[in-house]
């Protein structure tokens, strides 16, 4: 059951992050899930560094916020890498 929740919540967080970063049109559902899951791991790590709860083990508001922040940071890094390839 945890795996299914991870995919659903990861997909939602990845989709919301892609909308905020303006990449929603270029990403499909698979990439939204991947960005959401990896972003949640990144957000949990960032949360542990600054002392805020986050990640998969913490299904709270602060955990969801850190998952979203991680997905946005991941998309920002992807945007920087993609811009450098174009030039």
Protein backbone atom coordinates (compact mmCIF):
# COMPACT_ATOMS: atom_id res chain seq x y z
CA UNK A 1 0.00 0.00 0.00
CA UNK A 2 2.87 2.37 0.73
CA UNK A 3 4.22 1.93 -2.82
CA UNK A 4 0.86 2.90 -4.32
CA UNK A 5 0.63 5.96 -2.05
CA UNK A 6 4.19 6.90 -3.01
CA UNK A 7 3.27 6.84 -6.71
CA UNK A 8 0.02 8.77 -6.21
CA UNK A 9 1.49 11.44 -3.93
CA UNK A 10 4.67 11.62 -6.04
CA UNK A 11 2.59 12.15 -9.17
CA UNK A 12 0.57 14.91 -7.53
CA UNK A 13 3.65 16.68 -6.14
CA UNK A 14 5.46 16.37 -9.49
CA UNK A 15 2.44 17.71 -11.34
CA UNK A 16 2.07 20.68 -8.98
CA UNK A 17 5.78 21.44 -9.18
CA UNK A 18 5.72 21.27 -13.00
CA UNK A 19 2.80 23.70 -13.04
CA UNK A 20 4.65 26.13 -10.76
CA UNK A 21 7.84 25.88 -12.84
CA UNK A 22 5.97 26.26 -16.16
CA UNK A 23 6.96 22.82 -17.50
CA UNK A 24 3.57 21.15 -17.34
CA UNK A 25 3.06 21.10 -21.11
CA UNK A 26 6.39 19.37 -21.74
CA UNK A 27 6.03 16.64 -19.10
CA UNK A 28 3.86 13.54 -19.13
CA UNK A 29 2.43 11.64 -16.21
CA UNK A 30 5.46 9.32 -15.99
CA UNK A 31 7.87 12.26 -15.64
CA UNK A 32 5.55 13.88 -13.09
CA UNK A 33 5.70 10.72 -10.98
CA UNK A 34 9.48 10.44 -11.32
CA UNK A 35 10.02 14.11 -10.45
CA UNK A 36 7.61 13.82 -7.54
CA UNK A 37 9.23 10.71 -6.06
CA UNK A 38 12.81 11.93 -6.49
CA UNK A 39 11.74 15.41 -5.34
CA UNK A 40 10.18 13.92 -2.22
CA UNK A 41 13.44 12.17 -1.41
CA UNK A 42 15.31 15.43 -2.03
CA UNK A 43 12.78 17.36 0.04
CA UNK A 44 13.12 14.89 2.91
CA UNK A 45 16.87 15.33 2.81
CA UNK A 46 16.58 19.14 2.75
CA UNK A 47 14.04 18.95 5.59
CA UNK A 48 16.39 16.87 7.72
CA UNK A 49 19.20 19.38 7.12
CA UNK A 50 17.15 22.35 8.30
CA UNK A 51 15.32 20.47 11.05
CA UNK A 52 11.86 20.35 9.47
CA UNK A 53 10.01 17.05 9.13
CA UNK A 54 9.66 15.71 5.65
CA UNK A 55 9.88 12.72 3.38
CA UNK A 56 7.89 9.54 2.97
CA UNK A 57 7.81 8.61 6.63
CA UNK A 58 6.16 11.88 7.62
CA UNK A 59 2.69 12.27 6.11
CA UNK A 60 2.02 15.66 7.62
CA UNK A 61 1.57 19.14 6.21
CA UNK A 62 5.27 19.90 6.70
CA UNK A 63 6.16 16.60 5.01
CA UNK A 64 3.98 17.38 2.00
CA UNK A 65 5.43 20.88 1.77
CA UNK A 66 8.98 19.51 1.83
CA UNK A 67 8.06 16.98 -0.88
CA UNK A 68 6.74 19.83 -3.02
CA UNK A 69 9.82 21.99 -2.33
CA UNK A 70 12.07 19.08 -3.30
CA UNK A 71 10.21 18.60 -6.59
CA UNK A 72 10.46 22.33 -7.37
CA UNK A 73 14.20 22.32 -6.60
CA UNK A 74 14.66 19.28 -8.82
CA UNK A 75 12.84 20.99 -11.71
CA UNK A 76 14.88 24.17 -11.20
CA UNK A 77 18.07 22.14 -11.49
CA UNK A 78 16.70 20.43 -14.62
CA UNK A 79 15.88 23.84 -16.12
CA UNK A 80 19.44 25.04 -15.51
CA UNK A 81 20.92 21.93 -17.10
CA UNK A 82 18.60 22.16 -20.10
CA UNK A 83 19.43 25.82 -20.69
CA UNK A 84 23.14 25.06 -20.73
CA UNK A 85 22.62 22.33 -23.34
CA UNK A 86 20.76 24.70 -25.66
CA UNK A 87 23.56 27.27 -25.67
